[in-house]
Amino acid sequence: MKYMFLIYNEEATEAQMAPPEFQEVMEEYYAFTDEVHAKGILDRAAPLESTETATTVRVRSGGVTTTDGPFAETKEQLGGFYILECANLDEALDYAARIPGARFGCVEVRPVRSVPMPSD
């Protein structure tokens, strides 16, 4: 089953890291990504730009509005994700605990719903 790993952290915490500390965390991410890729369980992964680059779209009463910034003010922001093929939730939780961001933020683990797609 595929699981999505949503990585949340405080952007301010990352911004306050000294360059060597930030580089060490990034090396841990590279190593984790290399490992799950080598095991053949990596479907996708990507970091996101900061919430300063976000645009939120809402459709209400037939009208579209856009707002610069994230959809809500929160302590932790979505910073990136992985999608991995795992045997079960226990295996997914083991991988989540190894994602570096889990040490200073949190990782939300959710099963990916299988939806039939129309053929091309």
PDB file of N, CA and C in Angstrom:
ATOM      1  N   MET A   1       0.839  -1.176   0.000  1.00  0.00           N
ATOM      2  CA  MET A   1       0.000   0.000   0.000  1.00  0.00           C
ATOM      3  C   MET A   1       0.886   1.242   0.000  1.00  0.00           C
ATOM      4  N   LYS A   2       0.432   2.266  -0.710  1.00  0.00           N
ATOM      5  CA  LYS A   2       1.174   3.526  -0.721  1.00  0.00           C
ATOM      6  C   LYS A   2       0.747   4.394   0.459  1.00  0.00           C
ATOM      7  N   TYR A   3       1.749   5.022   1.049  1.00  0.00           N
ATOM      8  CA  TYR A   3       1.523   5.964   2.144  1.00  0.00           C
ATOM      9  C   TYR A   3       2.176   7.288   1.789  1.00  0.00           C
ATOM     10  N   MET A   4       1.503   8.370   2.170  1.00  0.00           N
ATOM     11  CA  MET A   4       2.083   9.699   2.008  1.00  0.00           C
ATOM     12  C   MET A   4       2.596  10.151   3.363  1.00  0.00           C
ATOM     13  N   PHE A   5       3.785  10.706   3.343  1.00  0.00           N
ATOM     14  CA  PHE A   5       4.456  11.207   4.536  1.00  0.00           C
ATOM     15  C   PHE A   5       4.537  12.725   4.380  1.00  0.00           C
ATOM     16  N   LEU A   6       3.715  13.443   5.132  1.00  0.00           N
ATOM     17  CA  LEU A   6       3.675  14.899   5.064  1.00  0.00           C
ATOM     18  C   LEU A   6       4.566  15.439   6.177  1.00  0.00           C
ATOM     19  N   ILE A   7       5.585  16.173   5.790  1.00  0.00           N
ATOM     20  CA  ILE A   7       6.607  16.625   6.729  1.00  0.00           C
ATOM     21  C   ILE A   7       6.317  18.072   7.124  1.00  0.00           C
ATOM     22  N   TYR A   8       6.046  18.275   8.410  1.00  0.00           N
ATOM     23  CA  TYR A   8       5.742  19.602   8.946  1.00  0.00           C
ATOM     24  C   TYR A   8       6.859  20.054   9.875  1.00  0.00           C
ATOM     25  N   ASN A   9       7.215  21.318   9.771  1.00  0.00           N
ATOM     26  CA  ASN A   9       8.174  21.902  10.707  1.00  0.00           C
ATOM     27  C   ASN A   9       7.941  23.400  10.781  1.00  0.00           C
ATOM     28  N   GLU A  10       8.587  24.022  11.718  1.00  0.00           N
ATOM     29  CA  GLU A  10       8.522  25.476  11.833  1.00  0.00           C
ATOM     30  C   GLU A  10       9.586  26.063  10.915  1.00  0.00           C
ATOM     31  N   GLU A  11       9.165  26.849   9.948  1.00  0.00           N
ATOM     32  CA  GLU A  11      10.121  27.453   9.033  1.00  0.00           C
ATOM     33  C   GLU A  11      11.163  28.283   9.771  1.00  0.00           C
ATOM     34  N   ALA A  12      10.757  28.909  10.860  1.00  0.00           N
ATOM     35  CA  ALA A  12      11.689  29.736  11.634  1.00  0.00           C
ATOM     36  C   ALA A  12      12.812  28.884  12.222  1.00  0.00           C
ATOM     37  N   THR A  13      12.506  27.663  12.626  1.00  0.00           N
ATOM     38  CA  THR A  13      13.528  26.774  13.182  1.00  0.00           C
ATOM     39  C   THR A  13      14.593  26.471  12.137  1.00  0.00           C
ATOM     40  N   GLU A  14      14.144  26.157  10.936  1.00  0.00           N
ATOM     41  CA  GLU A  14      15.089  25.879   9.847  1.00  0.00           C
ATOM     42  C   GLU A  14      15.931  27.115   9.526  1.00  0.00           C
ATOM     43  N   ALA A  15      15.294  28.278   9.507  1.00  0.00           N
ATOM     44  CA  ALA A  15      15.999  29.520   9.182  1.00  0.00           C
ATOM     45  C   ALA A  15      17.056  29.863  10.222  1.00  0.00           C
ATOM     46  N   GLN A  16      16.876  29.399  11.464  1.00  0.00           N
ATOM     47  CA  GLN A  16      17.822  29.699  12.537  1.00  0.00           C
ATOM     48  C   GLN A  16      18.980  28.708  12.607  1.00  0.00           C
ATOM     49  N   MET A  17      18.936  27.659  11.803  1.00  0.00           N
ATOM     50  CA  MET A  17      20.019  26.670  11.837  1.00  0.00           C
ATOM     51  C   MET A  17      21.296  27.274  11.266  1.00  0.00           C
ATOM     52  N   ALA A  18      22.399  26.958  11.894  1.00  0.00           N
ATOM     53  CA  ALA A  18      23.694  27.354  11.344  1.00  0.00           C
ATOM     54  C   ALA A  18      23.911  26.549  10.062  1.00  0.00           C
ATOM     55  N   PRO A  19      24.624  27.115   9.083  1.00  0.00           N
ATOM     56  CA  PRO A  19      24.834  26.401   7.824  1.00  0.00           C
ATOM     57  C   PRO A  19      25.347  24.957   7.976  1.00  0.00           C
ATOM     58  N   PRO A  20      26.311  24.693   8.862  1.00  0.00           N
ATOM     59  CA  PRO A  20      26.753  23.298   8.994  1.00  0.00           C
ATOM     60  C   PRO A  20      25.641  22.372   9.514  1.00  0.00           C
ATOM     61  N   GLU A  21      24.828  22.874  10.438  1.00  0.00           N
ATOM     62  CA  GLU A  21      23.724  22.064  10.974  1.00  0.00           C
ATOM     63  C   GLU A  21      22.682  21.804   9.882  1.00  0.00           C
ATOM     64  N   PHE A  22      22.341  22.829   9.105  1.00  0.00           N
ATOM     65  CA  PHE A  22      21.387  22.679   8.010  1.00  0.00           C
ATOM     66  C   PHE A  22      21.913  21.667   6.991  1.00  0.00           C
ATOM     67  N   GLN A  23      23.196  21.768   6.651  1.00  0.00           N
ATOM     68  CA  GLN A  23      23.796  20.845   5.689  1.00  0.00           C
ATOM     69  C   GLN A  23      23.757  19.406   6.215  1.00  0.00           C
ATOM     70  N   GLU A  24      23.969  19.223   7.509  1.00  0.00           N
ATOM     71  CA  GLU A  24      23.919  17.885   8.107  1.00  0.00           C
ATOM     72  C   GLU A  24      22.517  17.287   7.979  1.00  0.00           C
ATOM     73  N   VAL A  25      21.500  18.094   8.246  1.00  0.00           N
ATOM     74  CA  VAL A  25      20.120  17.623   8.108  1.00  0.00           C
ATOM     75  C   VAL A  25      19.833  17.270   6.648  1.00  0.00           C
ATOM     76  N   MET A  26      20.298  18.109   5.730  1.00  0.00           N
ATOM     77  CA  MET A  26      20.065  17.824   4.310  1.00  0.00           C
ATOM     78  C   MET A  26      20.757  16.531   3.889  1.00  0.00           C
ATOM     79  N   GLU A  27      21.955  16.283   4.394  1.00  0.00           N
ATOM     80  CA  GLU A  27      22.658  15.028   4.081  1.00  0.00           C
ATOM     81  C   GLU A  27      21.858  13.834   4.595  1.00  0.00           C
ATOM     82  N   GLU A  28      21.209  13.981   5.754  1.00  0.00           N
ATOM     83  CA  GLU A  28      20.366  12.909   6.278  1.00  0.00           C
ATOM     84  C   GLU A  28      19.173  12.674   5.352  1.00  0.00           C
ATOM     85  N   TYR A  29      18.576  13.740   4.847  1.00  0.00           N
ATOM     86  CA  TYR A  29      17.478  13.592   3.887  1.00  0.00           C
ATOM     87  C   TYR A  29      17.959  12.883   2.622  1.00  0.00           C
ATOM     88  N   TYR A  30      19.127  13.282   2.098  1.00  0.00           N
ATOM     89  CA  TYR A  30      19.660  12.637   0.892  1.00  0.00           C
ATOM     90  C   TYR A  30      19.878  11.148   1.137  1.00  0.00           C
ATOM     91  N   ALA A  31      20.428  10.808   2.294  1.00  0.00           N
ATOM     92  CA  ALA A  31      20.684   9.402   2.614  1.00  0.00           C
ATOM     93  C   ALA A  31      19.379   8.619   2.721  1.00  0.00           C
ATOM     94  N   PHE A  32      18.380   9.201   3.385  1.00  0.00           N
ATOM     95  CA  PHE A  32      17.085   8.537   3.503  1.00  0.00           C
ATOM     96  C   PHE A  32      16.473   8.327   2.122  1.00  0.00           C
ATOM     97  N   THR A  33      16.497   9.369   1.289  1.00  0.00           N
ATOM     98  CA  THR A  33      15.934   9.281  -0.057  1.00  0.00           C
ATOM     99  C   THR A  33      16.665   8.233  -0.884  1.00  0.00           C
ATOM    100  N   ASP A  34      17.991   8.215  -0.816  1.00  0.00           N
ATOM    101  CA  ASP A  34      18.769   7.194  -1.540  1.00  0.00           C
ATOM    102  C   ASP A  34      18.391   5.787  -1.093  1.00  0.00           C
ATOM    103  N   GLU A  35      18.200   5.613   0.225  1.00  0.00           N
ATOM    104  CA  GLU A  35      17.861   4.293   0.758  1.00  0.00           C
ATOM    105  C   GLU A  35      16.511   3.807   0.243  1.00  0.00           C
ATOM    106  N   VAL A  36      15.467   4.632   0.357  1.00  0.00           N
ATOM    107  CA  VAL A  36      14.143   4.172  -0.071  1.00  0.00           C
ATOM    108  C   VAL A  36      14.077   4.018  -1.594  1.00  0.00           C
ATOM    109  N   HIS A  37      14.861   4.804  -2.314  1.00  0.00           N
ATOM    110  CA  HIS A  37      14.946   4.632  -3.770  1.00  0.00           C
ATOM    111  C   HIS A  37      15.613   3.302  -4.102  1.00  0.00           C
ATOM    112  N   ALA A  38      16.714   3.008  -3.441  1.00  0.00           N
ATOM    113  CA  ALA A  38      17.440   1.754  -3.691  1.00  0.00           C
ATOM    114  C   ALA A  38      16.582   0.531  -3.348  1.00  0.00           C
ATOM    115  N   LYS A  39      15.718   0.650  -2.347  1.00  0.00           N
ATOM    116  CA  LYS A  39      14.826  -0.458  -1.971  1.00  0.00           C
ATOM    117  C   LYS A  39      13.646  -0.599  -2.927  1.00  0.00           C
ATOM    118  N   GLY A  40      13.468   0.362  -3.821  1.00  0.00           N
ATOM    119  CA  GLY A  40      12.384   0.310  -4.790  1.00  0.00           C
ATOM    120  C   GLY A  40      11.022   0.670  -4.230  1.00  0.00           C
ATOM    121  N   ILE A  41      10.980   1.351  -3.077  1.00  0.00           N
ATOM    122  CA  ILE A  41       9.694   1.698  -2.475  1.00  0.00           C
ATOM    123  C   ILE A  41       9.342   3.182  -2.622  1.00  0.00           C
ATOM    124  N   LEU A  42      10.261   3.963  -3.184  1.00  0.00           N
ATOM    125  CA  LEU A  42      10.012   5.396  -3.362  1.00  0.00           C
ATOM    126  C   LEU A  42       9.139   5.616  -4.588  1.00  0.00           C
ATOM    127  N   ASP A  43       8.007   6.245  -4.392  1.00  0.00           N
ATOM    128  CA  ASP A  43       7.139   6.627  -5.507  1.00  0.00           C
ATOM    129  C   ASP A  43       7.459   8.059  -5.919  1.00  0.00           C
ATOM    130  N   ARG A  44       7.434   8.964  -4.939  1.00  0.00           N
ATOM    131  CA  ARG A  44       7.733  10.376  -5.177  1.00  0.00           C
ATOM    132  C   ARG A  44       8.216  11.018  -3.895  1.00  0.00           C
ATOM    133  N   ALA A  45       8.909  12.128  -4.056  1.00  0.00           N
ATOM    134  CA  ALA A  45       9.333  12.940  -2.922  1.00  0.00           C
ATOM    135  C   ALA A  45       9.654  14.329  -3.451  1.00  0.00           C
ATOM    136  N   ALA A  46       9.383  15.329  -2.631  1.00  0.00           N
ATOM    137  CA  ALA A  46       9.740  16.690  -3.023  1.00  0.00           C
ATOM    138  C   ALA A  46       9.690  17.618  -1.823  1.00  0.00           C
ATOM    139  N   PRO A  47      10.670  18.510  -1.736  1.00  0.00           N
ATOM    140  CA  PRO A  47      10.576  19.583  -0.748  1.00  0.00           C
ATOM    141  C   PRO A  47       9.728  20.705  -1.343  1.00  0.00           C
ATOM    142  N   LEU A  48       9.145  21.515  -0.493  1.00  0.00           N
ATOM    143  CA  LEU A  48       8.358  22.652  -0.950  1.00  0.00           C
ATOM    144  C   LEU A  48       9.089  23.950  -0.634  1.00  0.00           C
ATOM    145  N   GLU A  49       8.850  24.949  -1.443  1.00  0.00           N
ATOM    146  CA  GLU A  49       9.370  26.278  -1.148  1.00  0.00           C
ATOM    147  C   GLU A  49       8.656  26.791   0.104  1.00  0.00           C
ATOM    148  N   SER A  50       9.136  27.872   0.686  1.00  0.00           N
ATOM    149  CA  SER A  50       8.560  28.398   1.934  1.00  0.00           C
ATOM    150  C   SER A  50       7.127  28.873   1.716  1.00  0.00           C
ATOM    151  N   THR A  51       6.393  29.013   2.815  1.00  0.00           N
ATOM    152  CA  THR A  51       5.010  29.468   2.724  1.00  0.00           C
ATOM    153  C   THR A  51       4.906  30.885   2.165  1.00  0.00           C
ATOM    154  N   GLU A  52       5.986  31.638   2.200  1.00  0.00           N
ATOM    155  CA  GLU A  52       5.973  32.981   1.604  1.00  0.00           C
ATOM    156  C   GLU A  52       5.667  32.927   0.118  1.00  0.00           C
ATOM    157  N   THR A  53       5.937  31.789  -0.536  1.00  0.00           N
ATOM    158  CA  THR A  53       5.714  31.660  -1.973  1.00  0.00           C
ATOM    159  C   THR A  53       4.327  31.112  -2.306  1.00  0.00           C
ATOM    160  N   ALA A  54       3.543  30.755  -1.288  1.00  0.00           N
ATOM    161  CA  ALA A  54       2.235  30.135  -1.504  1.00  0.00           C
ATOM    162  C   ALA A  54       1.195  31.141  -1.976  1.00  0.00           C
ATOM    163  N   THR A  55       0.249  30.659  -2.746  1.00  0.00           N
ATOM    164  CA  THR A  55      -0.949  31.403  -3.113  1.00  0.00           C
ATOM    165  C   THR A  55      -2.131  30.490  -2.818  1.00  0.00           C
ATOM    166  N   THR A  56      -3.103  30.996  -2.088  1.00  0.00           N
ATOM    167  CA  THR A  56      -4.287  30.218  -1.726  1.00  0.00           C
ATOM    168  C   THR A  56      -5.451  30.646  -2.609  1.00  0.00           C
ATOM    169  N   VAL A  57      -6.166  29.666  -3.167  1.00  0.00           N
ATOM    170  CA  VAL A  57      -7.305  29.914  -4.053  1.00  0.00           C
ATOM    171  C   VAL A  57      -8.573  29.436  -3.352  1.00  0.00           C
ATOM    172  N   ARG A  58      -9.594  30.283  -3.373  1.00  0.00           N
ATOM    173  CA  ARG A  58     -10.909  29.928  -2.820  1.00  0.00           C
ATOM    174  C   ARG A  58     -11.978  30.266  -3.859  1.00  0.00           C
ATOM    175  N   VAL A  59     -12.966  29.382  -3.976  1.00  0.00           N
ATOM    176  CA  VAL A  59     -14.122  29.643  -4.830  1.00  0.00           C
ATOM    177  C   VAL A  59     -15.342  29.692  -3.918  1.00  0.00           C
ATOM    178  N   ARG A  60     -15.995  30.836  -3.884  1.00  0.00           N
ATOM    179  CA  ARG A  60     -17.182  31.042  -3.051  1.00  0.00           C
ATOM    180  C   ARG A  60     -18.239  31.776  -3.871  1.00  0.00           C
ATOM    181  N   SER A  61     -19.451  31.266  -3.834  1.00  0.00           N
ATOM    182  CA  SER A  61     -20.577  31.905  -4.522  1.00  0.00           C
ATOM    183  C   SER A  61     -20.245  32.234  -5.971  1.00  0.00           C
ATOM    184  N   GLY A  62     -19.529  31.335  -6.625  1.00  0.00           N
ATOM    185  CA  GLY A  62     -19.195  31.525  -8.032  1.00  0.00           C
ATOM    186  C   GLY A  62     -18.017  32.438  -8.301  1.00  0.00           C
ATOM    187  N   GLY A  63     -17.447  33.035  -7.268  1.00  0.00           N
ATOM    188  CA  GLY A  63     -16.308  33.926  -7.454  1.00  0.00           C
ATOM    189  C   GLY A  63     -15.016  33.300  -6.968  1.00  0.00           C
ATOM    190  N   VAL A  64     -13.935  33.644  -7.637  1.00  0.00           N
ATOM    191  CA  VAL A  64     -12.610  33.134  -7.284  1.00  0.00           C
ATOM    192  C   VAL A  64     -11.813  34.245  -6.620  1.00  0.00           C
ATOM    193  N   THR A  65     -11.226  33.927  -5.465  1.00  0.00           N
ATOM    194  CA  THR A  65     -10.323  34.874  -4.813  1.00  0.00           C
ATOM    195  C   THR A  65      -8.988  34.177  -4.595  1.00  0.00           C
ATOM    196  N   THR A  66      -7.926  34.946  -4.684  1.00  0.00           N
ATOM    197  CA  THR A  66      -6.585  34.425  -4.395  1.00  0.00           C
ATOM    198  C   THR A  66      -5.965  35.284  -3.306  1.00  0.00           C
ATOM    199  N   THR A  67      -5.199  34.623  -2.456  1.00  0.00           N
ATOM    200  CA  THR A  67      -4.537  35.301  -1.355  1.00  0.00           C
ATOM    201  C   THR A  67      -3.083  34.863  -1.330  1.00  0.00           C
ATOM    202  N   ASP A  68      -2.180  35.798  -1.203  1.00  0.00           N
ATOM    203  CA  ASP A  68      -0.772  35.442  -1.057  1.00  0.00           C
ATOM    204  C   ASP A  68      -0.574  34.811   0.312  1.00  0.00           C
ATOM    205  N   GLY A  69       0.205  33.750   0.342  1.00  0.00           N
ATOM    206  CA  GLY A  69       0.535  33.100   1.600  1.00  0.00           C
ATOM    207  C   GLY A  69      -0.254  31.822   1.814  1.00  0.00           C
ATOM    208  N   PRO A  70       0.022  31.162   2.926  1.00  0.00           N
ATOM    209  CA  PRO A  70      -0.611  29.882   3.223  1.00  0.00           C
ATOM    210  C   PRO A  70      -2.085  30.058   3.572  1.00  0.00           C
ATOM    211  N   PHE A  71      -2.814  28.942   3.557  1.00  0.00           N
ATOM    212  CA  PHE A  71      -4.248  29.006   3.808  1.00  0.00           C
ATOM    213  C   PHE A  71      -4.587  29.279   5.261  1.00  0.00           C
ATOM    214  N   ALA A  72      -3.661  29.004   6.172  1.00  0.00           N
ATOM    215  CA  ALA A  72      -3.943  29.204   7.597  1.00  0.00           C
ATOM    216  C   ALA A  72      -2.660  29.539   8.329  1.00  0.00           C
ATOM    217  N   GLU A  73      -2.803  30.286   9.391  1.00  0.00           N
ATOM    218  CA  GLU A  73      -1.663  30.565  10.258  1.00  0.00           C
ATOM    219  C   GLU A  73      -1.508  29.385  11.208  1.00  0.00           C
ATOM    220  N   THR A  74      -0.395  28.714  11.126  1.00  0.00           N
ATOM    221  CA  THR A  74      -0.139  27.561  11.982  1.00  0.00           C
ATOM    222  C   THR A  74       1.283  27.631  12.513  1.00  0.00           C
ATOM    223  N   LYS A  75       1.528  26.900  13.584  1.00  0.00           N
ATOM    224  CA  LYS A  75       2.869  26.865  14.165  1.00  0.00           C
ATOM    225  C   LYS A  75       3.834  26.122  13.243  1.00  0.00           C
ATOM    226  N   GLU A  76       3.359  25.015  12.670  1.00  0.00           N
ATOM    227  CA  GLU A  76       4.197  24.207  11.777  1.00  0.00           C
ATOM    228  C   GLU A  76       3.631  24.266  10.361  1.00  0.00           C
ATOM    229  N   GLN A  77       4.535  24.290   9.383  1.00  0.00           N
ATOM    230  CA  GLN A  77       4.143  24.391   7.994  1.00  0.00           C
ATOM    231  C   GLN A  77       4.546  23.127   7.230  1.00  0.00           C
ATOM    232  N   LEU A  78       3.779  22.802   6.199  1.00  0.00           N
ATOM    233  CA  LEU A  78       4.109  21.673   5.337  1.00  0.00           C
ATOM    234  C   LEU A  78       5.368  22.029   4.556  1.00  0.00           C
ATOM    235  N   GLY A  79       6.406  21.213   4.723  1.00  0.00           N
ATOM    236  CA  GLY A  79       7.682  21.513   4.086  1.00  0.00           C
ATOM    237  C   GLY A  79       8.060  20.580   2.956  1.00  0.00           C
ATOM    238  N   GLY A  80       7.392  19.429   2.869  1.00  0.00           N
ATOM    239  CA  GLY A  80       7.702  18.475   1.811  1.00  0.00           C
ATOM    240  C   GLY A  80       6.978  17.171   2.058  1.00  0.00           C
ATOM    241  N   PHE A  81       7.222  16.211   1.169  1.00  0.00           N
ATOM    242  CA  PHE A  81       6.525  14.946   1.295  1.00  0.00           C
ATOM    243  C   PHE A  81       7.314  13.811   0.655  1.00  0.00           C
ATOM    244  N   TYR A  82       6.961  12.612   1.063  1.00  0.00           N
ATOM    245  CA  TYR A  82       7.383  11.376   0.415  1.00  0.00           C
ATOM    246  C   TYR A  82       6.125  10.562   0.164  1.00  0.00           C
ATOM    247  N   ILE A  83       6.136   9.758  -0.877  1.00  0.00           N
ATOM    248  CA  ILE A  83       5.152   8.701  -1.067  1.00  0.00           C
ATOM    249  C   ILE A  83       5.946   7.415  -1.200  1.00  0.00           C
ATOM    250  N   LEU A  84       5.697   6.481  -0.280  1.00  0.00           N
ATOM    251  CA  LEU A  84       6.427   5.210  -0.259  1.00  0.00           C
ATOM    252  C   LEU A  84       5.448   4.046  -0.322  1.00  0.00           C
ATOM    253  N   GLU A  85       5.872   2.968  -0.946  1.00  0.00           N
ATOM    254  CA  GLU A  85       5.121   1.722  -0.974  1.00  0.00           C
ATOM    255  C   GLU A  85       5.568   0.908   0.231  1.00  0.00           C
ATOM    256  N   CYS A  86       4.671   0.699   1.188  1.00  0.00           N
ATOM    257  CA  CYS A  86       4.995  -0.017   2.422  1.00  0.00           C
ATOM    258  C   CYS A  86       4.065  -1.225   2.572  1.00  0.00           C
ATOM    259  N   ALA A  87       4.547  -2.237   3.256  1.00  0.00           N
ATOM    260  CA  ALA A  87       3.761  -3.450   3.462  1.00  0.00           C
ATOM    261  C   ALA A  87       2.540  -3.185   4.331  1.00  0.00           C
ATOM    262  N   ASN A  88       2.685  -2.290   5.316  1.00  0.00           N
ATOM    263  CA  ASN A  88       1.596  -2.022   6.243  1.00  0.00           C
ATOM    264  C   ASN A  88       1.892  -0.734   7.005  1.00  0.00           C
ATOM    265  N   LEU A  89       0.953  -0.342   7.857  1.00  0.00           N
ATOM    266  CA  LEU A  89       1.111   0.903   8.618  1.00  0.00           C
ATOM    267  C   LEU A  89       2.321   0.846   9.545  1.00  0.00           C
ATOM    268  N   ASP A  90       2.577  -0.284  10.149  1.00  0.00           N
ATOM    269  CA  ASP A  90       3.739  -0.388  11.044  1.00  0.00           C
ATOM    270  C   ASP A  90       5.039  -0.074  10.305  1.00  0.00           C
ATOM    271  N   GLU A  91       5.189  -0.614   9.109  1.00  0.00           N
ATOM    272  CA  GLU A  91       6.394  -0.322   8.323  1.00  0.00           C
ATOM    273  C   GLU A  91       6.438   1.166   7.962  1.00  0.00           C
ATOM    274  N   ALA A  92       5.291   1.733   7.592  1.00  0.00           N
ATOM    275  CA  ALA A  92       5.232   3.153   7.248  1.00  0.00           C
ATOM    276  C   ALA A  92       5.637   4.012   8.445  1.00  0.00           C
ATOM    277  N   LEU A  93       5.179   3.649   9.627  1.00  0.00           N
ATOM    278  CA  LEU A  93       5.524   4.423  10.823  1.00  0.00           C
ATOM    279  C   LEU A  93       7.010   4.316  11.143  1.00  0.00           C
ATOM    280  N   ASP A  94       7.604   3.150  10.887  1.00  0.00           N
ATOM    281  CA  ASP A  94       9.053   3.001  11.076  1.00  0.00           C
ATOM    282  C   ASP A  94       9.816   3.948  10.155  1.00  0.00           C
ATOM    283  N   TYR A  95       9.390   4.036   8.887  1.00  0.00           N
ATOM    284  CA  TYR A  95      10.052   4.966   7.962  1.00  0.00           C
ATOM    285  C   TYR A  95       9.820   6.412   8.384  1.00  0.00           C
ATOM    286  N   ALA A  96       8.610   6.733   8.826  1.00  0.00           N
ATOM    287  CA  ALA A  96       8.309   8.106   9.240  1.00  0.00           C
ATOM    288  C   ALA A  96       9.233   8.561  10.364  1.00  0.00           C
ATOM    289  N   ALA A  97       9.507   7.659  11.288  1.00  0.00           N
ATOM    290  CA  ALA A  97      10.372   8.002  12.421  1.00  0.00           C
ATOM    291  C   ALA A  97      11.808   8.257  11.981  1.00  0.00           C
ATOM    292  N   ARG A  98      12.179   7.784  10.795  1.00  0.00           N
ATOM    293  CA  ARG A  98      13.542   7.971  10.297  1.00  0.00           C
ATOM    294  C   ARG A  98      13.696   9.214   9.428  1.00  0.00           C
ATOM    295  N   ILE A  99      12.602   9.875   9.088  1.00  0.00           N
ATOM    296  CA  ILE A  99      12.677  11.113   8.316  1.00  0.00           C
ATOM    297  C   ILE A  99      13.234  12.190   9.246  1.00  0.00           C
ATOM    298  N   PRO A 100      14.302  12.874   8.842  1.00  0.00           N
ATOM    299  CA  PRO A 100      14.958  13.839   9.731  1.00  0.00           C
ATOM    300  C   PRO A 100      14.019  14.876  10.336  1.00  0.00           C
ATOM    301  N   GLY A 101      13.049  15.349   9.599  1.00  0.00           N
ATOM    302  CA  GLY A 101      12.139  16.371  10.108  1.00  0.00           C
ATOM    303  C   GLY A 101      11.308  15.927  11.290  1.00  0.00           C
ATOM    304  N   ALA A 102      11.184  14.617  11.514  1.00  0.00           N
ATOM    305  CA  ALA A 102      10.416  14.124  12.657  1.00  0.00           C
ATOM    306  C   ALA A 102      11.075  14.516  13.974  1.00  0.00           C
ATOM    307  N   ARG A 103      12.381  14.819  13.942  1.00  0.00           N
ATOM    308  CA  ARG A 103      13.101  15.197  15.167  1.00  0.00           C
ATOM    309  C   ARG A 103      12.790  16.611  15.623  1.00  0.00           C
ATOM    310  N   PHE A 104      12.455  17.516  14.694  1.00  0.00           N
ATOM    311  CA  PHE A 104      12.201  18.898  15.103  1.00  0.00           C
ATOM    312  C   PHE A 104      10.847  19.406  14.633  1.00  0.00           C
ATOM    313  N   GLY A 105      10.056  18.551  14.032  1.00  0.00           N
ATOM    314  CA  GLY A 105       8.694  18.871  13.611  1.00  0.00           C
ATOM    315  C   GLY A 105       7.863  17.621  13.786  1.00  0.00           C
ATOM    316  N   CYS A 106       7.070  17.282  12.770  1.00  0.00           N
ATOM    317  CA  CYS A 106       6.317  16.036  12.808  1.00  0.00           C
ATOM    318  C   CYS A 106       6.107  15.529  11.398  1.00  0.00           C
ATOM    319  N   VAL A 107       5.797  14.245  11.300  1.00  0.00           N
ATOM    320  CA  VAL A 107       5.502  13.617  10.011  1.00  0.00           C
ATOM    321  C   VAL A 107       4.127  12.974  10.125  1.00  0.00           C
ATOM    322  N   GLU A 108       3.199  13.441   9.315  1.00  0.00           N
ATOM    323  CA  GLU A 108       1.862  12.854   9.250  1.00  0.00           C
ATOM    324  C   GLU A 108       1.896  11.745   8.205  1.00  0.00           C
ATOM    325  N   VAL A 109       1.405  10.569   8.574  1.00  0.00           N
ATOM    326  CA  VAL A 109       1.394   9.406   7.677  1.00  0.00           C
ATOM    327  C   VAL A 109      -0.055   9.100   7.319  1.00  0.00           C
ATOM    328  N   ARG A 110      -0.319   9.055   6.002  1.00  0.00           N
ATOM    329  CA  ARG A 110      -1.681   8.770   5.559  1.00  0.00           C
ATOM    330  C   ARG A 110      -1.657   7.810   4.379  1.00  0.00           C
ATOM    331  N   PRO A 111      -2.549   6.809   4.389  1.00  0.00           N
ATOM    332  CA  PRO A 111      -2.647   5.924   3.228  1.00  0.00           C
ATOM    333  C   PRO A 111      -3.115   6.725   2.017  1.00  0.00           C
ATOM    334  N   VAL A 112      -2.590   6.369   0.857  1.00  0.00           N
ATOM    335  CA  VAL A 112      -3.016   7.004  -0.394  1.00  0.00           C
ATOM    336  C   VAL A 112      -4.184   6.192  -0.937  1.00  0.00           C
ATOM    337  N   ARG A 113      -5.283   6.854  -1.172  1.00  0.00           N
ATOM    338  CA  ARG A 113      -6.474   6.188  -1.690  1.00  0.00           C
ATOM    339  C   ARG A 113      -6.274   5.840  -3.156  1.00  0.00           C
ATOM    340  N   SER A 114      -6.614   4.638  -3.508  1.00  0.00           N
ATOM    341  CA  SER A 114      -6.519   4.196  -4.898  1.00  0.00           C
ATOM    342  C   SER A 114      -7.807   4.586  -5.627  1.00  0.00           C
ATOM    343  N   VAL A 115      -7.660   5.383  -6.664  1.00  0.00           N
ATOM    344  CA  VAL A 115      -8.800   5.840  -7.457  1.00  0.00           C
ATOM    345  C   VAL A 115      -8.543   5.466  -8.905  1.00  0.00           C
ATOM    346  N   PRO A 116      -9.478   4.770  -9.536  1.00  0.00           N
ATOM    347  CA  PRO A 116      -9.267   4.432 -10.948  1.00  0.00           C
ATOM    348  C   PRO A 116      -9.176   5.695 -11.795  1.00  0.00           C
ATOM    349  N   MET A 117      -8.225   5.711 -12.675  1.00  0.00           N
ATOM    350  CA  MET A 117      -8.030   6.859 -13.561  1.00  0.00           C
ATOM    351  C   MET A 117      -8.550   6.497 -14.947  1.00  0.00           C
ATOM    352  N   PRO A 118      -9.166   7.462 -15.639  1.00  0.00           N
ATOM    353  CA  PRO A 118      -9.611   7.164 -17.004  1.00  0.00           C
ATOM    354  C   PRO A 118      -8.407   6.899 -17.895  1.00  0.00           C
ATOM    355  N   SER A 119      -8.566   5.974 -18.805  1.00  0.00           N
ATOM    356  CA  SER A 119      -7.445   5.660 -19.701  1.00  0.00           C
ATOM    357  C   SER A 119      -7.326   6.748 -20.765  1.00  0.00           C
ATOM    358  N   ASP A 120      -6.103   6.936 -21.221  1.00  0.00           N
ATOM    359  CA  ASP A 120      -5.832   7.997 -22.232  1.00  0.00           C
ATOM    360  C   ASP A 120      -6.385   7.626 -23.577  1.00  0.00           C
TER     361      ASP A 120
END
